[in-house]
């Protein structure tokens, strides 16, 4: 690292060190806004960066974790910490949403409504924007789903990849990041119970309808096919999994039953 590079990183003012992790976040964000840190840049090693900013290494780690959680920084094993590349979709940490689901009792209905709102829009955009290469990749994932109908865990991997490819074809990184955050909470639970799935062929057929609508450049059909698929997916997942928000679902149903009685 050159002396000019070192000069970019200003020591956090001593009187503000009671909130140093927040100041680390503010300092690094400001450097990005000023163009002093650019897309793809690697941060100095932890020991050096902590010294340059005048903070402890645990405090620095807390600040870096905060920026990684919102898709600003990316830690790569054995390589260091980097400012995310501008052409990559930001990856939002789903752990906060998962925690809120447990704390506030988010219902599966609410989670799937959010997913439908995002993925229906994404499917419509994909029908308008998908490239030939992206359509070929979607077709490959379709073949993978049909080839793994009897292996639920493998099927789920192809299912996840299909949805991520549709999102990539939509060409909107904000929608992609939000979709992945919501879907991750539901898919984490599904991984644990997917072996209980009864009929994956119907799910595969739903994915084929989505693919054909995107291939045919029909945004309305793509949105409708995605909605129908996610309605089916909601029913399948609720039958398989006792997820964090399930208790709230059951309480609502119990209350409705008691009111009807």
Protein backbone atom coordinates (compact mmCIF):
# COMPACT_ATOMS: atom_id res chain seq x y z
CA UNK A 1 0.00 0.00 0.00
CA UNK A 2 1.39 3.42 -0.97
CA UNK A 3 1.53 6.47 1.31
CA UNK A 4 -1.19 8.11 -0.78
CA UNK A 5 -3.43 5.06 -0.27
CA UNK A 6 -2.84 5.20 3.45
CA UNK A 7 -3.75 8.89 3.54
CA UNK A 8 -7.26 8.08 2.30
CA UNK A 9 -8.12 6.32 5.55
CA UNK A 10 -8.65 9.01 8.18
CA UNK A 11 -8.43 8.19 11.86
CA UNK A 12 -11.78 8.27 13.63
CA UNK A 13 -11.86 11.32 15.86
CA UNK A 14 -11.17 10.40 19.52
CA UNK A 15 -14.26 12.20 20.83
CA UNK A 16 -16.43 10.02 18.57
CA UNK A 17 -14.94 6.68 19.54
CA UNK A 18 -17.85 5.78 21.75
CA UNK A 19 -19.64 4.90 18.50
CA UNK A 20 -16.65 3.63 16.56
CA UNK A 21 -18.29 0.80 14.61
CA UNK A 22 -20.82 3.30 13.27
CA UNK A 23 -17.98 5.69 12.49
CA UNK A 24 -16.15 2.94 10.59
CA UNK A 25 -19.30 2.47 8.49
CA UNK A 26 -19.61 6.24 7.94
CA UNK A 27 -15.93 6.60 7.03
CA UNK A 28 -15.94 3.78 4.46
CA UNK A 29 -19.26 4.89 2.97
CA UNK A 30 -17.92 8.43 2.60
CA UNK A 31 -14.80 7.13 0.84
CA UNK A 32 -17.00 5.27 -1.65
CA UNK A 33 -19.15 8.37 -2.26
CA UNK A 34 -16.01 10.48 -2.83
CA UNK A 35 -14.63 7.90 -5.26
CA UNK A 36 -11.64 7.11 -3.05
CA UNK A 37 -12.81 3.50 -2.82
CA UNK A 38 -14.13 2.08 -6.06
CA UNK A 39 -15.96 -1.01 -7.23
CA UNK A 40 -13.69 -4.04 -6.86
CA UNK A 41 -11.08 -2.34 -4.63
CA UNK A 42 -9.55 -4.47 -1.88
CA UNK A 43 -9.39 -2.98 1.60
CA UNK A 44 -6.07 -3.01 3.45
CA UNK A 45 -5.44 -6.02 5.72
CA UNK A 46 -7.43 -5.91 8.96
CA UNK A 47 -4.44 -5.07 11.17
CA UNK A 48 -3.36 -2.19 8.90
CA UNK A 49 -6.87 -0.82 8.40
CA UNK A 50 -7.63 -0.83 12.13
CA UNK A 51 -4.40 1.12 12.73
CA UNK A 52 -5.15 3.60 9.93
CA UNK A 53 -8.65 4.29 11.30
CA UNK A 54 -7.47 4.30 14.92
CA UNK A 55 -9.94 1.65 16.06
CA UNK A 56 -9.68 -1.82 17.55
CA UNK A 57 -9.85 -4.85 15.29
CA UNK A 58 -13.14 -6.09 16.85
CA UNK A 59 -14.65 -2.66 16.21
CA UNK A 60 -13.41 -2.73 12.63
CA UNK A 61 -14.89 -6.21 12.12
CA UNK A 62 -18.27 -4.99 13.39
CA UNK A 63 -18.27 -2.14 10.88
CA UNK A 64 -17.24 -4.43 8.02
CA UNK A 65 -19.98 -6.92 8.95
CA UNK A 66 -22.56 -4.12 8.81
CA UNK A 67 -21.46 -3.10 5.32
CA UNK A 68 -21.27 -6.71 4.15
CA UNK A 69 -24.84 -7.31 5.35
CA UNK A 70 -26.16 -4.57 3.06
CA UNK A 71 -24.12 -5.67 0.05
CA UNK A 72 -21.47 -2.91 0.09
CA UNK A 73 -18.46 -5.05 1.03
CA UNK A 74 -17.65 -8.68 0.28
CA UNK A 75 -15.25 -10.88 2.27
CA UNK A 76 -13.47 -13.56 0.25
CA UNK A 77 -11.80 -16.45 2.03
CA UNK A 78 -8.03 -16.06 1.86
CA UNK A 79 -8.22 -12.98 -0.39
CA UNK A 80 -9.46 -10.15 1.84
CA UNK A 81 -12.37 -7.73 1.89
CA UNK A 82 -13.48 -5.97 -1.28
CA UNK A 83 -15.90 -3.28 -2.36
CA UNK A 84 -18.51 -5.18 -4.38
CA UNK A 85 -18.30 -4.92 -8.15
CA UNK A 86 -20.81 -2.60 -9.77
CA UNK A 87 -22.00 -5.27 -12.22
CA UNK A 88 -22.87 -7.76 -9.48
CA UNK A 89 -26.28 -7.97 -7.81
CA UNK A 90 -25.97 -6.84 -4.19
CA UNK A 91 -26.40 -9.69 -1.73
CA UNK A 92 -28.54 -8.71 1.24
CA UNK A 93 -28.14 -10.70 4.44
CA UNK A 94 -31.32 -12.73 5.05
CA UNK A 95 -30.49 -13.31 8.74
CA UNK A 96 -32.13 -10.03 9.80
CA UNK A 97 -35.38 -10.95 8.04
CA UNK A 98 -35.22 -14.44 9.52
CA UNK A 99 -34.77 -12.97 12.99
CA UNK A 100 -37.73 -10.63 12.49
CA UNK A 101 -39.83 -13.57 11.29
CA UNK A 102 -39.12 -15.37 14.55
CA UNK A 103 -39.47 -12.28 16.75
CA UNK A 104 -42.65 -10.87 15.21
CA UNK A 105 -44.22 -14.12 14.11
CA UNK A 106 -44.31 -13.30 10.41
CA UNK A 107 -46.71 -15.76 8.83
CA UNK A 108 -45.97 -17.93 5.84
CA UNK A 109 -48.78 -16.09 4.06
CA UNK A 110 -46.99 -12.76 4.51
CA UNK A 111 -43.66 -14.16 3.34
CA UNK A 112 -45.16 -15.74 0.23
CA UNK A 113 -47.14 -12.59 -0.56
CA UNK A 114 -43.87 -10.65 -0.53
CA UNK A 115 -42.19 -13.27 -2.69
CA UNK A 116 -45.06 -13.28 -5.20
CA UNK A 117 -45.02 -9.48 -5.47
CA UNK A 118 -41.31 -9.53 -6.25
CA UNK A 119 -41.07 -12.61 -8.46
CA UNK A 120 -44.14 -11.84 -10.59
CA UNK A 121 -42.56 -8.50 -11.51
CA UNK A 122 -39.23 -10.21 -12.12
CA UNK A 123 -40.81 -12.82 -14.42
CA UNK A 124 -42.49 -10.10 -16.48
CA UNK A 125 -39.21 -8.22 -16.91
CA UNK A 126 -37.39 -11.45 -17.79
CA UNK A 127 -39.87 -12.05 -20.61
CA UNK A 128 -38.94 -8.65 -22.02
CA UNK A 129 -35.18 -8.79 -21.47
CA UNK A 130 -33.86 -12.38 -21.40
CA UNK A 131 -30.96 -13.05 -23.77
CA UNK A 132 -30.49 -16.19 -25.83
CA UNK A 133 -27.79 -17.43 -23.45
CA UNK A 134 -30.06 -16.87 -20.45
CA UNK A 135 -32.89 -18.79 -22.10
CA UNK A 136 -30.48 -21.66 -22.79
CA UNK A 137 -29.42 -21.69 -19.12
CA UNK A 138 -33.07 -21.77 -18.00
CA UNK A 139 -33.69 -24.71 -20.34
CA UNK A 140 -30.74 -26.57 -18.78
CA UNK A 141 -32.14 -26.07 -15.29
CA UNK A 142 -35.52 -27.31 -16.53
CA UNK A 143 -33.84 -30.51 -17.77
CA UNK A 144 -32.11 -30.84 -14.40
CA UNK A 145 -35.42 -30.60 -12.56
CA UNK A 146 -37.03 -33.34 -14.63
CA UNK A 147 -33.94 -35.53 -14.22
CA UNK A 148 -34.07 -35.23 -10.41
CA UNK A 149 -37.79 -35.74 -9.70
CA UNK A 150 -36.92 -38.74 -7.52
CA UNK A 151 -34.13 -36.92 -5.65
CA UNK A 152 -35.83 -34.01 -3.83
CA UNK A 153 -32.64 -32.46 -2.45
CA UNK A 154 -31.11 -32.27 -5.94
CA UNK A 155 -34.39 -31.03 -7.41
CA UNK A 156 -34.41 -28.14 -4.94
CA UNK A 157 -30.95 -27.03 -6.11
CA UNK A 158 -32.18 -26.83 -9.71
CA UNK A 159 -35.34 -25.06 -8.52
CA UNK A 160 -33.30 -22.41 -6.70
CA UNK A 161 -30.98 -21.93 -9.67
CA UNK A 162 -33.94 -21.52 -12.02
CA UNK A 163 -35.40 -18.68 -9.96
CA UNK A 164 -32.00 -16.97 -9.66
CA UNK A 165 -31.54 -17.19 -13.44
CA UNK A 166 -34.98 -15.69 -14.04
CA UNK A 167 -33.99 -12.83 -11.72
CA UNK A 168 -30.71 -12.34 -13.60
CA UNK A 169 -32.65 -12.24 -16.90
CA UNK A 170 -34.88 -9.48 -15.47
CA UNK A 171 -31.86 -7.20 -15.33
CA UNK A 172 -32.82 -5.37 -12.12
CA UNK A 173 -30.28 -5.91 -9.35
CA UNK A 174 -32.44 -4.28 -6.67
CA UNK A 175 -35.35 -6.65 -7.31
CA UNK A 176 -32.92 -9.57 -7.45
CA UNK A 177 -31.39 -8.70 -4.07
CA UNK A 178 -34.80 -8.30 -2.41
CA UNK A 179 -36.08 -11.53 -3.96
CA UNK A 180 -33.07 -13.51 -2.80
CA UNK A 181 -33.41 -12.17 0.75
CA UNK A 182 -37.08 -13.17 1.05
CA UNK A 183 -36.66 -16.48 -0.78
CA UNK A 184 -33.66 -17.45 1.36
CA UNK A 185 -35.78 -17.50 4.53
CA UNK A 186 -38.33 -19.82 2.94
CA UNK A 187 -35.75 -21.99 1.19
CA UNK A 188 -33.68 -22.51 4.36
CA UNK A 189 -36.72 -24.17 5.90
CA UNK A 190 -37.54 -26.09 2.71
CA UNK A 191 -34.08 -27.67 2.59
CA UNK A 192 -34.81 -29.40 5.88
CA UNK A 193 -38.10 -30.92 4.75
CA UNK A 194 -38.02 -31.20 0.96
CA UNK A 195 -37.58 -34.98 1.19
CA UNK A 196 -41.21 -35.08 2.39
CA UNK A 197 -42.38 -33.67 -0.97
CA UNK A 198 -45.02 -35.84 -2.65
CA UNK A 199 -45.27 -34.77 -6.29
CA UNK A 200 -42.41 -32.74 -7.74
CA UNK A 201 -43.57 -33.34 -11.31
CA UNK A 202 -46.36 -30.79 -10.91
CA UNK A 203 -43.80 -28.26 -9.68
CA UNK A 204 -41.58 -29.00 -12.69
CA UNK A 205 -44.52 -28.44 -15.03
CA UNK A 206 -45.15 -25.06 -13.41
CA UNK A 207 -41.53 -24.09 -14.02
CA UNK A 208 -41.87 -25.15 -17.65
CA UNK A 209 -44.84 -22.77 -18.06
CA UNK A 210 -42.74 -19.93 -16.65
CA UNK A 211 -39.89 -20.79 -19.02
CA UNK A 212 -42.16 -20.96 -22.08
CA UNK A 213 -43.78 -17.61 -21.28
CA UNK A 214 -40.35 -15.97 -20.94
CA UNK A 215 -39.12 -17.66 -24.14
CA UNK A 216 -42.25 -16.48 -25.98
CA UNK A 217 -41.69 -12.89 -24.80
CA UNK A 218 -45.07 -12.78 -23.08
CA UNK A 219 -44.74 -10.74 -19.85
CA UNK A 220 -48.38 -11.19 -18.77
CA UNK A 221 -48.22 -14.98 -19.15
CA UNK A 222 -44.88 -15.04 -17.33
CA UNK A 223 -46.34 -13.14 -14.37
CA UNK A 224 -49.41 -15.39 -14.27
CA UNK A 225 -47.30 -18.56 -14.48
CA UNK A 226 -45.03 -17.34 -11.67
CA UNK A 227 -48.06 -16.51 -9.51
CA UNK A 228 -49.59 -19.96 -10.06
CA UNK A 229 -46.28 -21.66 -9.28
CA UNK A 230 -45.75 -19.74 -6.03
CA UNK A 231 -49.30 -20.43 -4.87
CA UNK A 232 -48.59 -24.13 -5.36
CA UNK A 233 -45.19 -23.78 -3.66
CA UNK A 234 -46.82 -22.13 -0.65
CA UNK A 235 -49.27 -25.01 -0.23
CA UNK A 236 -46.48 -27.57 -0.61
CA UNK A 237 -44.19 -25.85 1.89
CA UNK A 238 -46.91 -25.34 4.49
CA UNK A 239 -47.65 -29.06 4.28
CA UNK A 240 -43.99 -29.96 4.79
CA UNK A 241 -42.49 -27.52 7.25
CA UNK A 242 -43.13 -26.20 10.74
CA UNK A 243 -41.39 -22.88 10.12
CA UNK A 244 -40.78 -19.90 12.54
CA UNK A 245 -43.98 -18.06 11.62
CA UNK A 246 -46.13 -21.20 11.63
CA UNK A 247 -47.27 -20.62 15.19
CA UNK A 248 -48.78 -17.29 14.19
CA UNK A 249 -50.57 -18.96 11.26
CA UNK A 250 -52.02 -21.59 13.56
CA UNK A 251 -53.08 -19.00 16.13
CA UNK A 252 -54.92 -17.05 13.45
CA UNK A 253 -56.71 -20.17 12.24
CA UNK A 254 -57.63 -21.15 15.81
CA UNK A 255 -59.03 -17.67 16.48
CA UNK A 256 -61.07 -17.78 13.30
CA UNK A 257 -62.44 -21.22 14.22
CA UNK A 258 -63.39 -20.04 17.70
CA UNK A 259 -65.09 -16.91 16.26
CA UNK A 260 -67.03 -19.04 13.78
CA UNK A 261 -68.18 -21.34 16.59
